[in-house]
Amino acid sequence: MLNGLNLDSISLGGASYGGWLALNHTVTEPERVRKLVLLSPAASFLSPVMQFNLRGMLMGLFPTRLTVNSTMGWMGFKETPGDSVARLVLDLIYLGLKHFRISPETARIMPSVFSDTELRAVHVPVQLLLGDREVMYDPVKALARAQALLPNFEGELVPNSSHEMCASQYQIVNRRVLDFLNAN
């Protein structure tokens, strides 16, 4: 895609599975990435807790409003009165799971924890933001592992948030990401 767009290198970012994909691209083609933003990346630094695996499997096999709301609520996406963003996110996830089928080739690409060697080889500037209440894995341990292994790293825990921090704490997340991308 970068070749088709005639781009040599880009700033790249992603949230959750998209964060894992962005880090995977950076590990495999480091010369194509100038800066990397990771927002609650799936499994990149630590394995997900068993509850996430079970809930995700149940939600994927039985995509009902109940399974989606239960799993996403556990991850922090909770609908509250007057919060139209949470309802939209929950509806989008439900409709996507119910009506979109991932190809078998794509479904085989599951996030896995990157090795120490792979992470040490990432020399581009990396920003990692994790909710301080992340439930997919221990956010303090994930942040510490990233800090210990990534040579050009900055990261922090976003207060009062879990995996949904991009929605619930978007002011903080947006400011941190823009500051990181605009810095020399």
N, C-alpha and C. Protein backbone atom coordinates (compact mmCIF):
# COMPACT_ATOMS: atom_id res chain seq x y z
N MET A 1 0.81 -1.17 0.00
CA MET A 1 0.00 0.00 0.00
C MET A 1 0.87 1.26 0.00
N LEU A 2 1.91 1.27 0.83
CA LEU A 2 2.78 2.45 0.85
C LEU A 2 3.42 2.69 -0.50
N ASN A 3 3.82 1.62 -1.16
CA ASN A 3 4.39 1.77 -2.51
C ASN A 3 3.37 2.36 -3.46
N GLY A 4 2.14 1.87 -3.38
CA GLY A 4 1.08 2.37 -4.25
C GLY A 4 0.78 3.84 -4.02
N LEU A 5 0.93 4.30 -2.81
CA LEU A 5 0.70 5.70 -2.48
C LEU A 5 1.98 6.54 -2.63
N ASN A 6 3.06 5.88 -3.03
CA ASN A 6 4.34 6.55 -3.24
C ASN A 6 4.87 7.20 -1.95
N LEU A 7 4.74 6.45 -0.84
CA LEU A 7 5.22 6.92 0.46
C LEU A 7 6.40 6.07 0.90
N ASP A 8 7.47 6.73 1.28
CA ASP A 8 8.64 5.99 1.76
C ASP A 8 8.46 5.53 3.20
N SER A 9 8.07 6.48 4.06
CA SER A 9 7.86 6.13 5.46
C SER A 9 6.73 6.99 6.01
N ILE A 10 6.10 6.49 7.07
CA ILE A 10 4.92 7.14 7.63
C ILE A 10 4.97 7.08 9.15
N SER A 11 4.18 7.94 9.77
CA SER A 11 3.86 7.77 11.18
C SER A 11 2.67 6.84 11.20
N LEU A 12 2.70 5.88 12.10
CA LEU A 12 1.70 4.82 12.11
C LEU A 12 1.16 4.66 13.52
N GLY A 13 -0.10 4.37 13.62
CA GLY A 13 -0.68 4.14 14.94
C GLY A 13 -1.88 3.23 14.86
N GLY A 14 -2.24 2.69 16.00
CA GLY A 14 -3.41 1.84 16.05
C GLY A 14 -3.82 1.57 17.48
N ALA A 15 -5.09 1.21 17.62
CA ALA A 15 -5.65 0.86 18.93
C ALA A 15 -6.04 -0.61 18.93
N SER A 16 -5.81 -1.25 20.05
CA SER A 16 -6.18 -2.65 20.28
C SER A 16 -5.52 -3.54 19.22
N TYR A 17 -6.31 -4.28 18.44
CA TYR A 17 -5.75 -5.14 17.39
C TYR A 17 -4.97 -4.31 16.36
N GLY A 18 -5.48 -3.11 16.08
CA GLY A 18 -4.78 -2.21 15.17
C GLY A 18 -3.42 -1.79 15.70
N GLY A 19 -3.30 -1.67 17.02
CA GLY A 19 -2.00 -1.37 17.63
C GLY A 19 -1.03 -2.51 17.45
N TRP A 20 -1.55 -3.73 17.62
CA TRP A 20 -0.69 -4.90 17.41
C TRP A 20 -0.24 -4.96 15.95
N LEU A 21 -1.17 -4.69 15.01
CA LEU A 21 -0.82 -4.69 13.59
C LEU A 21 0.23 -3.63 13.28
N ALA A 22 0.08 -2.44 13.87
CA ALA A 22 1.04 -1.35 13.64
C ALA A 22 2.43 -1.73 14.16
N LEU A 23 2.49 -2.33 15.35
CA LEU A 23 3.78 -2.76 15.89
C LEU A 23 4.36 -3.89 15.05
N ASN A 24 3.53 -4.80 14.60
CA ASN A 24 3.98 -5.90 13.74
C ASN A 24 4.59 -5.35 12.44
N HIS A 25 3.93 -4.35 11.85
CA HIS A 25 4.46 -3.74 10.62
C HIS A 25 5.81 -3.08 10.91
N THR A 26 5.92 -2.43 12.06
CA THR A 26 7.17 -1.75 12.42
C THR A 26 8.29 -2.76 12.65
N VAL A 27 7.97 -3.89 13.26
CA VAL A 27 8.98 -4.93 13.49
C VAL A 27 9.46 -5.51 12.16
N THR A 28 8.54 -5.71 11.22
CA THR A 28 8.91 -6.35 9.95
C THR A 28 9.46 -5.38 8.91
N GLU A 29 9.05 -4.10 8.95
CA GLU A 29 9.55 -3.12 8.00
C GLU A 29 9.89 -1.81 8.70
N PRO A 30 10.89 -1.82 9.58
CA PRO A 30 11.19 -0.63 10.39
C PRO A 30 11.56 0.60 9.57
N GLU A 31 12.12 0.42 8.41
CA GLU A 31 12.52 1.56 7.58
C GLU A 31 11.32 2.32 7.02
N ARG A 32 10.13 1.74 7.08
CA ARG A 32 8.92 2.38 6.54
C ARG A 32 8.16 3.19 7.58
N VAL A 33 8.62 3.16 8.84
CA VAL A 33 7.89 3.83 9.92
C VAL A 33 8.78 4.90 10.56
N ARG A 34 8.24 6.13 10.63
CA ARG A 34 8.97 7.24 11.28
C ARG A 34 8.66 7.31 12.78
N LYS A 35 7.39 7.20 13.11
CA LYS A 35 6.93 7.22 14.50
C LYS A 35 5.80 6.22 14.65
N LEU A 36 5.67 5.67 15.85
CA LEU A 36 4.66 4.64 16.11
C LEU A 36 3.86 5.00 17.36
N VAL A 37 2.53 5.01 17.24
CA VAL A 37 1.63 5.27 18.36
C VAL A 37 0.84 4.00 18.64
N LEU A 38 0.93 3.53 19.87
CA LEU A 38 0.21 2.32 20.29
C LEU A 38 -0.78 2.67 21.39
N LEU A 39 -2.05 2.40 21.14
CA LEU A 39 -3.12 2.71 22.09
C LEU A 39 -3.74 1.40 22.55
N SER A 40 -3.43 1.01 23.77
CA SER A 40 -3.93 -0.27 24.32
C SER A 40 -3.76 -1.42 23.33
N PRO A 41 -2.55 -1.64 22.82
CA PRO A 41 -2.37 -2.67 21.80
C PRO A 41 -2.63 -4.08 22.35
N ALA A 42 -3.29 -4.88 21.54
CA ALA A 42 -3.61 -6.26 21.93
C ALA A 42 -2.34 -7.09 22.00
N ALA A 43 -2.12 -7.74 23.12
CA ALA A 43 -1.09 -8.78 23.31
C ALA A 43 0.34 -8.39 22.97
N SER A 44 0.62 -7.20 22.59
CA SER A 44 1.96 -6.84 22.11
C SER A 44 3.06 -7.04 23.15
N PHE A 45 2.77 -6.72 24.40
CA PHE A 45 3.80 -6.76 25.45
C PHE A 45 3.55 -7.85 26.49
N LEU A 46 2.30 -8.23 26.66
CA LEU A 46 1.91 -9.28 27.60
C LEU A 46 0.76 -10.09 27.02
N SER A 47 0.67 -11.35 27.39
CA SER A 47 -0.45 -12.18 26.94
C SER A 47 -1.74 -11.70 27.60
N PRO A 48 -2.84 -11.74 26.86
CA PRO A 48 -4.12 -11.36 27.46
C PRO A 48 -4.54 -12.36 28.54
N VAL A 49 -5.30 -11.87 29.50
CA VAL A 49 -5.82 -12.75 30.55
C VAL A 49 -6.82 -13.73 29.94
N MET A 50 -6.98 -14.88 30.58
CA MET A 50 -7.87 -15.93 30.07
C MET A 50 -9.29 -15.42 29.89
N GLN A 51 -9.74 -14.56 30.79
CA GLN A 51 -11.11 -14.05 30.69
C GLN A 51 -11.34 -13.33 29.37
N PHE A 52 -10.32 -12.59 28.90
CA PHE A 52 -10.46 -11.92 27.61
C PHE A 52 -10.62 -12.94 26.49
N ASN A 53 -9.78 -13.97 26.50
CA ASN A 53 -9.86 -14.99 25.46
C ASN A 53 -11.23 -15.67 25.44
N LEU A 54 -11.74 -16.01 26.62
CA LEU A 54 -13.05 -16.67 26.69
C LEU A 54 -14.18 -15.74 26.26
N ARG A 55 -14.16 -14.54 26.75
CA ARG A 55 -15.20 -13.57 26.38
C ARG A 55 -15.16 -13.26 24.88
N GLY A 56 -13.96 -13.08 24.35
CA GLY A 56 -13.81 -12.79 22.93
C GLY A 56 -14.30 -13.94 22.06
N MET A 57 -13.99 -15.16 22.47
CA MET A 57 -14.45 -16.33 21.71
C MET A 57 -15.98 -16.43 21.76
N LEU A 58 -16.55 -16.23 22.92
CA LEU A 58 -18.00 -16.30 23.07
C LEU A 58 -18.67 -15.21 22.23
N MET A 59 -18.14 -14.00 22.28
CA MET A 59 -18.70 -12.90 21.51
C MET A 59 -18.59 -13.15 20.01
N GLY A 60 -17.46 -13.73 19.57
CA GLY A 60 -17.27 -14.02 18.15
C GLY A 60 -18.17 -15.15 17.65
N LEU A 61 -18.35 -16.17 18.47
CA LEU A 61 -19.20 -17.31 18.07
C LEU A 61 -20.69 -16.99 18.16
N PHE A 62 -21.06 -16.18 19.15
CA PHE A 62 -22.46 -15.84 19.37
C PHE A 62 -22.59 -14.32 19.47
N PRO A 63 -22.57 -13.63 18.32
CA PRO A 63 -22.59 -12.17 18.33
C PRO A 63 -24.01 -11.62 18.58
N THR A 64 -24.41 -11.64 19.84
CA THR A 64 -25.69 -11.06 20.23
C THR A 64 -25.43 -9.76 20.96
N ARG A 65 -26.46 -8.97 21.14
CA ARG A 65 -26.29 -7.73 21.90
C ARG A 65 -25.83 -8.04 23.33
N LEU A 66 -26.32 -9.15 23.88
CA LEU A 66 -25.94 -9.53 25.24
C LEU A 66 -24.44 -9.85 25.34
N THR A 67 -23.93 -10.69 24.43
CA THR A 67 -22.51 -11.05 24.51
C THR A 67 -21.62 -9.85 24.21
N VAL A 68 -22.02 -9.03 23.23
CA VAL A 68 -21.22 -7.85 22.89
C VAL A 68 -21.23 -6.86 24.05
N ASN A 69 -22.41 -6.55 24.58
CA ASN A 69 -22.49 -5.58 25.68
C ASN A 69 -21.75 -6.08 26.92
N SER A 70 -21.83 -7.38 27.18
CA SER A 70 -21.15 -7.95 28.34
C SER A 70 -19.63 -7.86 28.19
N THR A 71 -19.12 -8.30 27.05
CA THR A 71 -17.67 -8.28 26.83
C THR A 71 -17.15 -6.86 26.76
N MET A 72 -17.81 -6.03 26.00
CA MET A 72 -17.33 -4.66 25.86
C MET A 72 -17.51 -3.87 27.16
N GLY A 73 -18.54 -4.18 27.94
CA GLY A 73 -18.70 -3.56 29.24
C GLY A 73 -17.56 -3.94 30.17
N TRP A 74 -17.17 -5.20 30.14
CA TRP A 74 -16.03 -5.66 30.93
C TRP A 74 -14.76 -4.92 30.53
N MET A 75 -14.65 -4.58 29.24
CA MET A 75 -13.47 -3.87 28.74
C MET A 75 -13.56 -2.36 28.96
N GLY A 76 -14.70 -1.89 29.49
CA GLY A 76 -14.82 -0.47 29.81
C GLY A 76 -15.83 0.29 29.00
N PHE A 77 -16.34 -0.28 27.91
CA PHE A 77 -17.33 0.40 27.07
C PHE A 77 -18.71 0.20 27.68
N LYS A 78 -19.10 1.12 28.55
CA LYS A 78 -20.39 1.00 29.23
C LYS A 78 -21.28 2.16 28.82
N GLU A 79 -22.50 1.82 28.46
CA GLU A 79 -23.45 2.85 28.08
C GLU A 79 -24.04 3.47 29.34
N THR A 80 -23.97 4.78 29.39
CA THR A 80 -24.57 5.52 30.50
C THR A 80 -25.54 6.55 29.92
N PRO A 81 -26.53 6.95 30.69
CA PRO A 81 -27.49 7.94 30.18
C PRO A 81 -26.78 9.18 29.65
N GLY A 82 -27.16 9.60 28.47
CA GLY A 82 -26.58 10.79 27.85
C GLY A 82 -25.28 10.55 27.11
N ASP A 83 -24.77 9.32 27.12
CA ASP A 83 -23.51 9.01 26.45
C ASP A 83 -23.80 8.34 25.12
N SER A 84 -23.92 9.14 24.07
CA SER A 84 -24.24 8.59 22.76
C SER A 84 -23.04 7.89 22.12
N VAL A 85 -21.82 8.25 22.51
CA VAL A 85 -20.63 7.64 21.92
C VAL A 85 -20.56 6.16 22.26
N ALA A 86 -20.79 5.81 23.52
CA ALA A 86 -20.75 4.40 23.93
C ALA A 86 -21.78 3.58 23.17
N ARG A 87 -22.98 4.10 23.00
CA ARG A 87 -24.03 3.37 22.27
C ARG A 87 -23.60 3.14 20.82
N LEU A 88 -23.03 4.16 20.20
CA LEU A 88 -22.57 4.02 18.82
C LEU A 88 -21.47 2.97 18.70
N VAL A 89 -20.52 2.98 19.63
CA VAL A 89 -19.43 2.00 19.61
C VAL A 89 -19.99 0.59 19.78
N LEU A 90 -20.87 0.40 20.74
CA LEU A 90 -21.46 -0.92 20.98
C LEU A 90 -22.27 -1.40 19.78
N ASP A 91 -23.03 -0.49 19.17
CA ASP A 91 -23.79 -0.85 17.96
C ASP A 91 -22.87 -1.24 16.82
N LEU A 92 -21.81 -0.48 16.63
CA LEU A 92 -20.86 -0.76 15.55
C LEU A 92 -20.20 -2.12 15.74
N ILE A 93 -19.78 -2.42 16.95
CA ILE A 93 -19.14 -3.71 17.21
C ILE A 93 -20.14 -4.85 17.01
N TYR A 94 -21.34 -4.69 17.54
CA TYR A 94 -22.37 -5.72 17.37
C TYR A 94 -22.66 -5.97 15.89
N LEU A 95 -22.93 -4.91 15.15
CA LEU A 95 -23.28 -5.08 13.73
C LEU A 95 -22.11 -5.65 12.93
N GLY A 96 -20.90 -5.24 13.26
CA GLY A 96 -19.73 -5.79 12.58
C GLY A 96 -19.58 -7.28 12.82
N LEU A 97 -19.73 -7.71 14.08
CA LEU A 97 -19.61 -9.14 14.40
C LEU A 97 -20.75 -9.95 13.80
N LYS A 98 -21.93 -9.39 13.77
CA LYS A 98 -23.10 -10.11 13.28
C LYS A 98 -23.09 -10.27 11.76
N HIS A 99 -22.65 -9.25 11.04
CA HIS A 99 -22.81 -9.24 9.59
C HIS A 99 -21.52 -9.34 8.78
N PHE A 100 -20.37 -9.27 9.41
CA PHE A 100 -19.11 -9.31 8.67
C PHE A 100 -18.34 -10.55 9.07
N ARG A 101 -17.90 -11.30 8.10
CA ARG A 101 -17.11 -12.50 8.38
C ARG A 101 -15.68 -12.28 7.88
N ILE A 102 -14.76 -12.50 8.77
CA ILE A 102 -13.34 -12.38 8.43
C ILE A 102 -12.93 -13.59 7.61
N SER A 103 -12.10 -13.36 6.61
CA SER A 103 -11.62 -14.48 5.80
C SER A 103 -10.79 -15.42 6.66
N PRO A 104 -10.79 -16.72 6.32
CA PRO A 104 -9.99 -17.68 7.11
C PRO A 104 -8.51 -17.30 7.17
N GLU A 105 -7.98 -16.73 6.09
CA GLU A 105 -6.57 -16.33 6.09
C GLU A 105 -6.31 -15.24 7.12
N THR A 106 -7.21 -14.27 7.20
CA THR A 106 -7.06 -13.18 8.16
C THR A 106 -7.30 -13.66 9.58
N ALA A 107 -8.26 -14.53 9.76
CA ALA A 107 -8.60 -15.04 11.10
C ALA A 107 -7.44 -15.80 11.73
N ARG A 108 -6.54 -16.32 10.92
CA ARG A 108 -5.38 -17.05 11.45
C ARG A 108 -4.32 -16.11 12.04
N ILE A 109 -4.42 -14.82 11.75
CA ILE A 109 -3.43 -13.85 12.24
C ILE A 109 -3.91 -13.34 13.59
N MET A 110 -3.47 -14.03 14.62
CA MET A 110 -3.86 -13.66 15.98
C MET A 110 -2.72 -12.93 16.66
N PRO A 111 -3.05 -11.89 17.43
CA PRO A 111 -1.99 -11.17 18.14
C PRO A 111 -1.20 -12.09 19.07
N SER A 112 0.09 -11.87 19.09
CA SER A 112 0.96 -12.61 19.99
C SER A 112 1.97 -11.63 20.58
N VAL A 113 2.53 -12.01 21.70
CA VAL A 113 3.48 -11.16 22.39
C VAL A 113 4.79 -11.12 21.59
N PHE A 114 5.32 -9.91 21.40
CA PHE A 114 6.58 -9.77 20.68
C PHE A 114 7.73 -10.15 21.61
N SER A 115 8.76 -10.75 21.02
CA SER A 115 9.92 -11.18 21.81
C SER A 115 10.75 -9.97 22.23
N ASP A 116 11.61 -10.18 23.22
CA ASP A 116 12.53 -9.14 23.66
C ASP A 116 13.40 -8.66 22.50
N THR A 117 13.88 -9.61 21.71
CA THR A 117 14.74 -9.27 20.56
C THR A 117 14.00 -8.41 19.55
N GLU A 118 12.76 -8.77 19.24
CA GLU A 118 11.97 -7.98 18.28
C GLU A 118 11.76 -6.56 18.80
N LEU A 119 11.42 -6.43 20.08
CA LEU A 119 11.16 -5.10 20.63
C LEU A 119 12.43 -4.26 20.72
N ARG A 120 13.55 -4.86 21.07
CA ARG A 120 14.81 -4.11 21.13
C ARG A 120 15.23 -3.58 19.75
N ALA A 121 14.79 -4.23 18.70
CA ALA A 121 15.16 -3.83 17.34
C ALA A 121 14.31 -2.67 16.81
N VAL A 122 13.28 -2.28 17.54
CA VAL A 122 12.42 -1.16 17.11
C VAL A 122 13.07 0.14 17.58
N HIS A 123 13.69 0.86 16.63
CA HIS A 123 14.43 2.07 16.98
C HIS A 123 13.67 3.35 16.67
N VAL A 124 12.49 3.25 16.09
CA VAL A 124 11.70 4.46 15.82
C VAL A 124 11.11 4.95 17.14
N PRO A 125 10.78 6.23 17.22
CA PRO A 125 10.11 6.73 18.42
C PRO A 125 8.74 6.05 18.58
N VAL A 126 8.49 5.53 19.79
CA VAL A 126 7.26 4.81 20.08
C VAL A 126 6.56 5.47 21.25
N GLN A 127 5.27 5.70 21.09
CA GLN A 127 4.42 6.17 22.19
C GLN A 127 3.43 5.06 22.52
N LEU A 128 3.33 4.73 23.81
CA LEU A 128 2.40 3.72 24.29
C LEU A 128 1.49 4.35 25.33
N LEU A 129 0.19 4.29 25.08
CA LEU A 129 -0.79 4.76 26.05
C LEU A 129 -1.68 3.60 26.44
N LEU A 130 -1.83 3.41 27.75
CA LEU A 130 -2.66 2.34 28.29
C LEU A 130 -3.58 2.91 29.35
N GLY A 131 -4.81 2.42 29.40
CA GLY A 131 -5.70 2.81 30.48
C GLY A 131 -5.18 2.28 31.81
N ASP A 132 -5.26 3.07 32.85
CA ASP A 132 -4.75 2.62 34.15
C ASP A 132 -5.58 1.48 34.74
N ARG A 133 -6.75 1.23 34.15
CA ARG A 133 -7.63 0.14 34.59
C ARG A 133 -7.78 -0.93 33.50
N GLU A 134 -6.82 -1.00 32.60
CA GLU A 134 -6.85 -2.00 31.51
C GLU A 134 -7.12 -3.38 32.10
N VAL A 135 -8.03 -4.14 31.44
CA VAL A 135 -8.38 -5.48 31.94
C VAL A 135 -7.80 -6.60 31.06
N MET A 136 -7.36 -6.25 29.86
CA MET A 136 -6.84 -7.28 28.96
C MET A 136 -5.53 -7.88 29.48
N TYR A 137 -4.74 -7.06 30.16
CA TYR A 137 -3.46 -7.47 30.75
C TYR A 137 -3.12 -6.44 31.81
N ASP A 138 -2.09 -6.68 32.58
CA ASP A 138 -1.67 -5.74 33.61
C ASP A 138 -0.99 -4.53 32.94
N PRO A 139 -1.60 -3.35 33.01
CA PRO A 139 -1.05 -2.20 32.30
C PRO A 139 0.29 -1.72 32.87
N VAL A 140 0.50 -1.85 34.15
CA VAL A 140 1.76 -1.42 34.76
C VAL A 140 2.90 -2.31 34.26
N LYS A 141 2.68 -3.62 34.23
CA LYS A 141 3.70 -4.54 33.74
C LYS A 141 3.95 -4.36 32.24
N ALA A 142 2.89 -4.13 31.46
CA ALA A 142 3.07 -3.91 30.01
C ALA A 142 3.88 -2.65 29.76
N LEU A 143 3.56 -1.59 30.47
CA LEU A 143 4.30 -0.33 30.32
C LEU A 143 5.76 -0.51 30.71
N ALA A 144 6.00 -1.23 31.80
CA ALA A 144 7.38 -1.46 32.26
C ALA A 144 8.17 -2.28 31.24
N ARG A 145 7.54 -3.30 30.66
CA ARG A 145 8.24 -4.13 29.66
C ARG A 145 8.58 -3.30 28.42
N ALA A 146 7.63 -2.49 27.97
CA ALA A 146 7.88 -1.64 26.81
C ALA A 146 9.02 -0.66 27.10
N GLN A 147 8.99 -0.06 28.27
CA GLN A 147 10.02 0.91 28.64
C GLN A 147 11.40 0.25 28.73
N ALA A 148 11.45 -0.98 29.20
CA ALA A 148 12.72 -1.68 29.35
C ALA A 148 13.30 -2.11 28.00
N LEU A 149 12.44 -2.37 27.01
CA LEU A 149 12.92 -2.98 25.77
C LEU A 149 12.95 -2.06 24.55
N LEU A 150 12.08 -1.08 24.50
CA LEU A 150 12.04 -0.19 23.33
C LEU A 150 13.05 0.95 23.52
N PRO A 151 14.02 1.08 22.64
CA PRO A 151 15.09 2.06 22.82
C PRO A 151 14.63 3.52 22.79
N ASN A 152 13.61 3.84 22.02
CA ASN A 152 13.17 5.24 21.85
C ASN A 152 11.69 5.30 22.24
N PHE A 153 11.43 5.34 23.54
CA PHE A 153 10.09 5.09 24.06
C PHE A 153 9.59 6.19 24.98
N GLU A 154 8.30 6.46 24.86
CA GLU A 154 7.60 7.24 25.87
C GLU A 154 6.23 6.61 26.05
N GLY A 155 5.76 6.61 27.28
CA GLY A 155 4.46 6.00 27.53
C GLY A 155 3.90 6.43 28.85
N GLU A 156 2.62 6.19 29.01
CA GLU A 156 1.98 6.55 30.26
C GLU A 156 0.66 5.81 30.40
N LEU A 157 0.19 5.80 31.65
CA LEU A 157 -1.13 5.26 31.95
C LEU A 157 -2.13 6.41 31.92
N VAL A 158 -3.20 6.23 31.19
CA VAL A 158 -4.25 7.23 31.09
C VAL A 158 -5.22 7.01 32.25
N PRO A 159 -5.44 8.03 33.07
CA PRO A 159 -6.24 7.83 34.28
C PRO A 159 -7.72 7.54 33.99
N ASN A 160 -8.30 6.80 34.92
CA ASN A 160 -9.75 6.53 34.92
C ASN A 160 -10.25 5.91 33.63
N SER A 161 -9.48 4.97 33.09
CA SER A 161 -9.90 4.34 31.84
C SER A 161 -9.37 2.91 31.74
N SER A 162 -9.98 2.17 30.86
CA SER A 162 -9.56 0.81 30.57
C SER A 162 -9.26 0.74 29.08
N HIS A 163 -9.69 -0.32 28.43
CA HIS A 163 -9.40 -0.51 27.00
C HIS A 163 -10.13 0.53 26.15
N GLU A 164 -11.12 1.19 26.72
CA GLU A 164 -11.94 2.17 25.99
C GLU A 164 -11.39 3.58 26.08
N MET A 165 -10.16 3.76 26.52
CA MET A 165 -9.61 5.09 26.81
C MET A 165 -9.71 6.07 25.65
N CYS A 166 -9.68 5.58 24.42
CA CYS A 166 -9.78 6.48 23.26
C CYS A 166 -11.14 7.16 23.19
N ALA A 167 -12.15 6.54 23.78
CA ALA A 167 -13.49 7.14 23.81
C ALA A 167 -13.71 7.90 25.11
N SER A 168 -13.42 7.27 26.25
CA SER A 168 -13.76 7.90 27.54
C SER A 168 -12.79 9.01 27.92
N GLN A 169 -11.56 8.93 27.48
CA GLN A 169 -10.55 9.94 27.82
C GLN A 169 -9.94 10.53 26.54
N TYR A 170 -10.79 10.75 25.55
CA TYR A 170 -10.28 11.18 24.24
C TYR A 170 -9.53 12.51 24.30
N GLN A 171 -9.90 13.40 25.23
CA GLN A 171 -9.18 14.68 25.30
C GLN A 171 -7.71 14.45 25.67
N ILE A 172 -7.48 13.60 26.65
CA ILE A 172 -6.11 13.29 27.08
C ILE A 172 -5.37 12.55 25.97
N VAL A 173 -6.01 11.50 25.44
CA VAL A 173 -5.37 10.67 24.40
C VAL A 173 -5.04 11.51 23.17
N ASN A 174 -6.01 12.28 22.69
CA ASN A 174 -5.77 13.10 21.50
C ASN A 174 -4.62 14.08 21.71
N ARG A 175 -4.57 14.73 22.86
CA ARG A 175 -3.51 15.70 23.14
C ARG A 175 -2.15 15.02 23.17
N ARG A 176 -2.05 13.86 23.86
CA ARG A 176 -0.77 13.16 23.96
C ARG A 176 -0.29 12.70 22.58
N VAL A 177 -1.20 12.16 21.78
CA VAL A 177 -0.82 11.68 20.45
C VAL A 177 -0.38 12.83 19.56
N LEU A 178 -1.13 13.91 19.55
CA LEU A 178 -0.75 15.07 18.72
C LEU A 178 0.59 15.65 19.16
N ASP A 179 0.79 15.77 20.48
CA ASP A 179 2.08 16.29 20.96
C ASP A 179 3.23 15.40 20.52
N PHE A 180 3.03 14.09 20.61
CA PHE A 180 4.07 13.12 20.21
C PHE A 180 4.36 13.21 18.70
N LEU A 181 3.32 13.24 17.90
CA LEU A 181 3.52 13.29 16.45
C LEU A 181 4.11 14.61 15.98
N ASN A 182 3.80 15.70 16.67
CA ASN A 182 4.30 17.02 16.26
C ASN A 182 5.67 17.34 16.80
N ALA A 183 6.16 16.58 17.76
CA ALA A 183 7.51 16.81 18.31
C ALA A 183 8.56 16.41 17.29
N ASN A 184 9.70 17.11 17.32
CA ASN A 184 10.78 16.79 16.37
C ASN A 184 11.47 15.53 16.72
